[in-house]
C-alpha atoms as a PDB file:
ATOM      1  CA  MET A   1       0.000   0.000   0.000  1.00  0.00           C
ATOM      2  CA  ARG A   2       1.184   3.496  -0.864  1.00  0.00           C
ATOM      3  CA  LYS A   3       2.310   5.827   1.913  1.00  0.00           C
ATOM      4  CA  PRO A   4      -0.273   8.621   2.456  1.00  0.00           C
ATOM      5  CA  TYR A   5       0.709  11.875   0.760  1.00  0.00           C
ATOM      6  CA  TYR A   6      -0.939  14.170   3.323  1.00  0.00           C
ATOM      7  CA  SER A   7      -0.583  14.230   7.085  1.00  0.00           C
ATOM      8  CA  LEU A   8      -2.016  16.503   9.771  1.00  0.00           C
ATOM      9  CA  GLU A   9       1.251  18.419   9.709  1.00  0.00           C
ATOM     10  CA  THR A  10       1.659  18.751   5.937  1.00  0.00           C
ATOM     11  CA  LEU A  11      -1.881  19.527   4.745  1.00  0.00           C
ATOM     12  CA  GLN A  12      -2.083  23.238   3.930  1.00  0.00           C
ATOM     13  CA  PRO A  13      -4.372  25.127   1.530  1.00  0.00           C
ATOM     14  CA  ASN A  14      -1.500  25.804  -0.907  1.00  0.00           C
ATOM     15  CA  ASN A  15      -0.884  22.058  -1.361  1.00  0.00           C
ATOM     16  CA  SER A  16      -4.444  20.717  -0.968  1.00  0.00           C
ATOM     17  CA  VAL A  17      -5.848  19.273  -4.186  1.00  0.00           C
ATOM     18  CA  GLY A  18      -9.399  20.001  -3.039  1.00  0.00           C
ATOM     19  CA  TYR A  19      -8.716  23.587  -2.014  1.00  0.00           C
ATOM     20  CA  LEU A  20      -6.756  24.401  -5.181  1.00  0.00           C
ATOM     21  CA  LEU A  21      -9.431  22.872  -7.448  1.00  0.00           C
ATOM     22  CA  LYS A  22     -12.190  24.735  -5.624  1.00  0.00           C
ATOM     23  CA  ARG A  23     -10.340  28.087  -5.785  1.00  0.00           C
ATOM     24  CA  CYS A  24      -9.569  27.591  -9.484  1.00  0.00           C
ATOM     25  CA  GLY A  25     -13.222  26.742 -10.137  1.00  0.00           C
ATOM     26  CA  VAL A  26     -14.475  29.780  -8.227  1.00  0.00           C
ATOM     27  CA  LEU A  27     -12.037  32.117  -9.973  1.00  0.00           C
ATOM     28  CA  MET A  28     -12.741  30.627 -13.407  1.00  0.00           C
ATOM     29  CA  THR A  29     -16.469  31.180 -12.840  1.00  0.00           C
ATOM     30  CA  GLN A  30     -15.887  34.776 -11.744  1.00  0.00           C
ATOM     31  CA  VAL A  31     -13.722  35.512 -14.795  1.00  0.00           C
ATOM     32  CA  ALA A  32     -16.262  33.838 -17.106  1.00  0.00           C
ATOM     33  CA  GLU A  33     -19.152  35.819 -15.593  1.00  0.00           C
ATOM     34  CA  GLN A  34     -17.185  39.031 -16.266  1.00  0.00           C
ATOM     35  CA  ARG A  35     -16.632  38.022 -19.901  1.00  0.00           C
ATOM     36  CA  PHE A  36     -20.304  37.144 -20.345  1.00  0.00           C
ATOM     37  CA  GLN A  37     -21.368  40.656 -19.311  1.00  0.00           C
ATOM     38  CA  THR A  38     -20.758  41.661 -22.927  1.00  0.00           C
ATOM     39  CA  ILE A  39     -23.433  39.312 -24.321  1.00  0.00           C
ATOM     40  CA  GLU A  40     -27.139  38.574 -23.795  1.00  0.00           C
ATOM     41  CA  ILE A  41     -26.816  35.577 -21.465  1.00  0.00           C
ATOM     42  CA  SER A  42     -24.867  34.964 -18.277  1.00  0.00           C
ATOM     43  CA  PHE A  43     -22.241  32.288 -17.826  1.00  0.00           C
ATOM     44  CA  THR A  44     -24.660  30.393 -15.574  1.00  0.00           C
ATOM     45  CA  GLN A  45     -27.333  30.515 -18.263  1.00  0.00           C
ATOM     46  CA  TRP A  46     -24.788  29.291 -20.791  1.00  0.00           C
ATOM     47  CA  LEU A  47     -23.897  26.329 -18.564  1.00  0.00           C
ATOM     48  CA  VAL A  48     -27.573  25.350 -18.521  1.00  0.00           C
ATOM     49  CA  LEU A  49     -27.906  25.778 -22.294  1.00  0.00           C
ATOM     50  CA  ILE A  50     -24.764  23.814 -23.112  1.00  0.00           C
ATOM     51  CA  SER A  51     -25.882  21.029 -20.755  1.00  0.00           C
ATOM     52  CA  LEU A  52     -29.259  20.912 -22.503  1.00  0.00           C
ATOM     53  CA  ALA A  53     -27.553  20.882 -25.899  1.00  0.00           C
ATOM     54  CA  GLN A  54     -26.041  17.512 -24.924  1.00  0.00           C
ATOM     55  CA  GLN A  55     -29.424  15.942 -24.116  1.00  0.00           C
ATOM     56  CA  GLU A  56     -32.677  15.762 -26.073  1.00  0.00           C
ATOM     57  CA  HIS A  57     -34.774  16.174 -22.932  1.00  0.00           C
ATOM     58  CA  ILE A  58     -33.677  16.245 -19.310  1.00  0.00           C
ATOM     59  CA  SER A  59     -35.407  16.483 -15.961  1.00  0.00           C
ATOM     60  CA  ALA A  60     -34.809  19.438 -13.698  1.00  0.00           C
ATOM     61  CA  THR A  61     -33.243  17.051 -11.171  1.00  0.00           C
ATOM     62  CA  GLN A  62     -30.747  15.756 -13.725  1.00  0.00           C
ATOM     63  CA  LEU A  63     -29.993  19.277 -14.923  1.00  0.00           C
ATOM     64  CA  SER A  64     -29.439  20.382 -11.332  1.00  0.00           C
ATOM     65  CA  ALA A  65     -26.928  17.561 -10.818  1.00  0.00           C
ATOM     66  CA  TYR A  66     -25.149  18.278 -14.115  1.00  0.00           C
ATOM     67  CA  THR A  67     -24.765  21.988 -13.452  1.00  0.00           C
ATOM     68  CA  GLY A  68     -24.206  21.828  -9.701  1.00  0.00           C
ATOM     69  CA  HIS A  69     -27.038  24.278  -9.022  1.00  0.00           C
ATOM     70  CA  ASP A  70     -29.645  23.738  -6.344  1.00  0.00           C
ATOM     71  CA  MET A  71     -33.194  23.333  -7.621  1.00  0.00           C
ATOM     72  CA  GLY A  72     -34.317  26.808  -6.501  1.00  0.00           C
ATOM     73  CA  ALA A  73     -31.505  28.591  -8.330  1.00  0.00           C
ATOM     74  CA  LEU A  74     -31.911  26.349 -11.365  1.00  0.00           C
ATOM     75  CA  THR A  75     -35.642  27.035 -11.525  1.00  0.00           C
ATOM     76  CA  ARG A  76     -34.994  30.779 -11.695  1.00  0.00           C
ATOM     77  CA  VAL A  77     -32.407  30.312 -14.466  1.00  0.00           C
ATOM     78  CA  VAL A  78     -34.706  28.013 -16.471  1.00  0.00           C
ATOM     79  CA  ASP A  79     -37.657  30.399 -15.971  1.00  0.00           C
ATOM     80  CA  GLU A  80     -35.631  33.264 -17.456  1.00  0.00           C
ATOM     81  CA  LEU A  81     -34.348  31.125 -20.350  1.00  0.00           C
ATOM     82  CA  GLU A  82     -37.899  29.942 -21.058  1.00  0.00           C
ATOM     83  CA  ARG A  83     -39.212  33.527 -20.964  1.00  0.00           C
ATOM     84  CA  ARG A  84     -36.606  34.409 -23.606  1.00  0.00           C
ATOM     85  CA  GLY A  85     -37.508  31.419 -25.799  1.00  0.00           C
ATOM     86  CA  LEU A  86     -34.191  29.600 -25.305  1.00  0.00           C
ATOM     87  CA  VAL A  87     -35.622  26.552 -23.511  1.00  0.00           C
ATOM     88  CA  ARG A  88     -39.057  24.987 -23.090  1.00  0.00           C
ATOM     89  CA  ARG A  89     -40.688  22.678 -20.560  1.00  0.00           C
ATOM     90  CA  GLU A  90     -42.389  19.614 -22.011  1.00  0.00           C
ATOM     91  CA  ARG A  91     -44.193  16.557 -20.705  1.00  0.00           C
ATOM     92  CA  SER A  92     -41.926  13.526 -20.669  1.00  0.00           C
ATOM     93  CA  ASN A  93     -42.579  10.887 -23.322  1.00  0.00           C
ATOM     94  CA  ARG A  94     -41.544   8.222 -20.791  1.00  0.00           C
ATOM     95  CA  ASP A  95     -43.724   9.471 -17.921  1.00  0.00           C
ATOM     96  CA  ARG A  96     -46.502  11.942 -18.742  1.00  0.00           C
ATOM     97  CA  ARG A  97     -46.544  13.083 -15.090  1.00  0.00           C
ATOM     98  CA  ALA A  98     -42.961  14.346 -15.364  1.00  0.00           C
ATOM     99  CA  VAL A  99     -41.799  17.566 -16.977  1.00  0.00           C
ATOM    100  CA  GLU A 100     -38.528  17.745 -18.878  1.00  0.00           C
ATOM    101  CA  ILE A 101     -36.546  20.704 -20.107  1.00  0.00           C
ATOM    102  CA  ALA A 102     -35.432  21.000 -23.719  1.00  0.00           C
ATOM    103  CA  ILE A 103     -33.321  23.535 -25.563  1.00  0.00           C
ATOM    104  CA  THR A 104     -34.939  25.403 -28.462  1.00  0.00           C
ATOM    105  CA  PRO A 105     -33.205  26.103 -31.778  1.00  0.00           C
ATOM    106  CA  ALA A 106     -32.698  29.714 -30.602  1.00  0.00           C
ATOM    107  CA  GLY A 107     -31.162  28.401 -27.375  1.00  0.00           C
ATOM    108  CA  ARG A 108     -28.850  26.094 -29.311  1.00  0.00           C
ATOM    109  CA  ARG A 109     -27.685  29.047 -31.467  1.00  0.00           C
ATOM    110  CA  GLN A 110     -27.141  31.212 -28.381  1.00  0.00           C
ATOM    111  CA  ALA A 111     -25.143  28.452 -26.667  1.00  0.00           C
ATOM    112  CA  GLN A 112     -22.934  28.007 -29.724  1.00  0.00           C
ATOM    113  CA  GLU A 113     -22.351  31.753 -30.132  1.00  0.00           C
ATOM    114  CA  ALA A 114     -21.431  32.128 -26.459  1.00  0.00           C
ATOM    115  CA  LYS A 115     -19.093  29.152 -26.711  1.00  0.00           C
ATOM    116  CA  ARG A 116     -16.692  31.472 -28.572  1.00  0.00           C
ATOM    117  CA  LEU A 117     -16.157  33.368 -25.306  1.00  0.00           C
ATOM    118  CA  ILE A 118     -15.371  30.126 -23.505  1.00  0.00           C
ATOM    119  CA  VAL A 119     -12.887  29.042 -26.184  1.00  0.00           C
ATOM    120  CA  GLU A 120     -11.138  32.413 -25.984  1.00  0.00           C
ATOM    121  CA  LEU A 121     -11.122  32.317 -22.184  1.00  0.00           C
ATOM    122  CA  ARG A 122      -9.841  28.736 -21.976  1.00  0.00           C
ATOM    123  CA  ASN A 123      -7.054  29.540 -24.417  1.00  0.00           C
ATOM    124  CA  ARG A 124      -6.143  32.622 -22.360  1.00  0.00           C
ATOM    125  CA  LEU A 125      -6.102  30.586 -19.144  1.00  0.00           C
ATOM    126  CA  VAL A 126      -3.732  27.944 -20.530  1.00  0.00           C
ATOM    127  CA  GLU A 127      -1.310  30.399 -22.203  1.00  0.00           C
ATOM    128  CA  PRO A 128       1.408  29.846 -19.574  1.00  0.00           C
ATOM    129  CA  PHE A 129       1.494  26.110 -20.348  1.00  0.00           C
ATOM    130  CA  THR A 130       2.888  24.048 -23.207  1.00  0.00           C
ATOM    131  CA  ASP A 131       0.543  21.772 -25.167  1.00  0.00           C
ATOM    132  CA  SER A 132       2.155  18.798 -23.436  1.00  0.00           C
ATOM    133  CA  GLU A 133       1.550  20.319 -19.995  1.00  0.00           C
ATOM    134  CA  ILE A 134      -2.083  21.044 -20.892  1.00  0.00           C
ATOM    135  CA  ASP A 135      -2.569  17.458 -22.094  1.00  0.00           C
ATOM    136  CA  THR A 136      -0.990  16.159 -18.869  1.00  0.00           C
ATOM    137  CA  LEU A 137      -3.164  18.404 -16.703  1.00  0.00           C
ATOM    138  CA  ILE A 138      -6.329  17.333 -18.523  1.00  0.00           C
ATOM    139  CA  GLY A 139      -5.353  13.675 -18.223  1.00  0.00           C
ATOM    140  CA  LEU A 140      -4.693  14.020 -14.492  1.00  0.00           C
ATOM    141  CA  LEU A 141      -7.981  15.844 -13.914  1.00  0.00           C
ATOM    142  CA  GLN A 142      -9.861  13.174 -15.886  1.00  0.00           C
ATOM    143  CA  ARG A 143      -8.254  10.455 -13.737  1.00  0.00           C
ATOM    144  CA  LEU A 144      -9.150  12.371 -10.572  1.00  0.00           C
ATOM    145  CA  LEU A 145     -12.731  12.799 -11.791  1.00  0.00           C
ATOM    146  CA  GLY A 146     -13.030   9.077 -12.500  1.00  0.00           C
ATOM    147  CA  HIS A 147     -11.623   8.227  -9.077  1.00  0.00           C
ATOM    148  CA  LEU A 148     -14.016  10.666  -7.380  1.00  0.00           C
ATOM    149  CA  GLN A 149     -16.957   9.138  -9.251  1.00  0.00           C
ATOM    150  CA  SER A 150     -15.978   5.648  -8.102  1.00  0.00           C
ATOM    151  CA  GLU A 151     -15.492   6.917  -4.519  1.00  0.00           C
ATOM    152  CA  ALA A 152     -18.991   8.395  -4.667  1.00  0.00           C
ATOM    153  CA  GLY A 153     -20.229   4.894  -5.516  1.00  0.00           C
ATOM    154  CA  GLY A 154     -22.089   5.994  -8.607  1.00  0.00           C
ATOM    155  CA  LYS A 155     -24.194   8.422  -6.574  1.00  0.00           C
ATOM    156  CA  ALA A 156     -22.591  11.442  -8.230  1.00  0.00           C
ATOM    157  CA  GLN A 157     -24.059  12.437 -11.584  1.00  0.00           C
ATOM    158  CA  ALA A 158     -21.629  12.523 -14.462  1.00  0.00           C
ATOM    159  CA  ALA A 159     -21.267  15.896 -16.106  1.00  0.00           C
ATOM    160  CA  PRO A 160     -22.303  16.398 -19.719  1.00  0.00           C
ATOM    161  CA  SER A 161     -19.726  15.577 -22.324  1.00  0.00           C
ATOM    162  CA  LEU A 162     -16.697  17.800 -22.091  1.00  0.00           C
ATOM    163  CA  ALA A 163     -16.615  17.822 -25.879  1.00  0.00           C
ATOM    164  CA  ALA A 164     -19.172  20.626 -25.697  1.00  0.00           C
ATOM    165  CA  LEU A 165     -16.789  22.716 -23.627  1.00  0.00           C
ATOM    166  CA  GLU A 166     -13.435  22.101 -25.247  1.00  0.00           C
ATOM    167  CA  THR A 167     -11.902  22.837 -28.608  1.00  0.00           C
ATOM    168  CA  PRO A 168     -10.324  19.775 -30.216  1.00  0.00           C
ATOM    169  CA  ARG A 169      -6.532  19.750 -29.983  1.00  0.00           C
ATOM    170  CA  ARG A 170      -6.039  20.001 -33.746  1.00  0.00           C
ATOM    171  CA  ALA A 171      -8.404  22.968 -33.980  1.00  0.00           C
ATOM    172  CA  ARG A 172      -6.297  24.881 -31.438  1.00  0.00           C
ATOM    173  CA  ARG A 173      -3.309  24.712 -33.762  1.00  0.00           C
ATOM    174  CA  LYS A 174      -5.084  25.877 -36.915  1.00  0.00           C
ATOM    175  CA  PRO A 175      -4.815  29.569 -37.720  1.00  0.00           C
ATOM    176  CA  ALA A 176      -7.895  31.465 -36.621  1.00  0.00           C
ATOM    177  CA  HIS A 177     -10.191  32.774 -39.330  1.00  0.00           C
ATOM    178  CA  GLY A 178     -12.469  35.678 -38.617  1.00  0.00           C
ATOM    179  CA  GLY A 179     -10.635  36.834 -35.488  1.00  0.00           C
ATOM    180  CA  ALA A 180     -11.776  34.136 -33.041  1.00  0.00           C
ATOM    181  CA  ALA A 181      -9.160  32.510 -30.823  1.00  0.00           C
END
């Protein structure tokens, strides 16, 4: 068995995987929200739209788990997106008693347009790293995510496909056309 990495004496915020991931997540959200102030939807609304773009129909409970938002906050976000015609609530085909949320064509367009901001931001955030370092970091985070999911015993919902959030490696290396990163 491997010797434990952390001890009561050595665990500090600046070397804690959990603390560093949480701080990075909080700061990335804050920076993204600032960037999204220039467009019609918020970063939080975009997260909902991009999650819905990965599913045909999804329950509010599933969407809450995917996005990490409590049901009250999610309901307010979905209400606003529905008011703007970007999502709709529909009766489930599997269970007519249940209501599912679906993205509209206008919502899909808005999600794709806003994705440009995310691509630019992600590229800006990884500028200090080489492609190899980025690949290593992504691989390590994917392994950590898989380990966390197994530790949760399948109780944790898997996030929507990361393909919706990332630019393929080859696309990063192509010259940009039209000014986008």
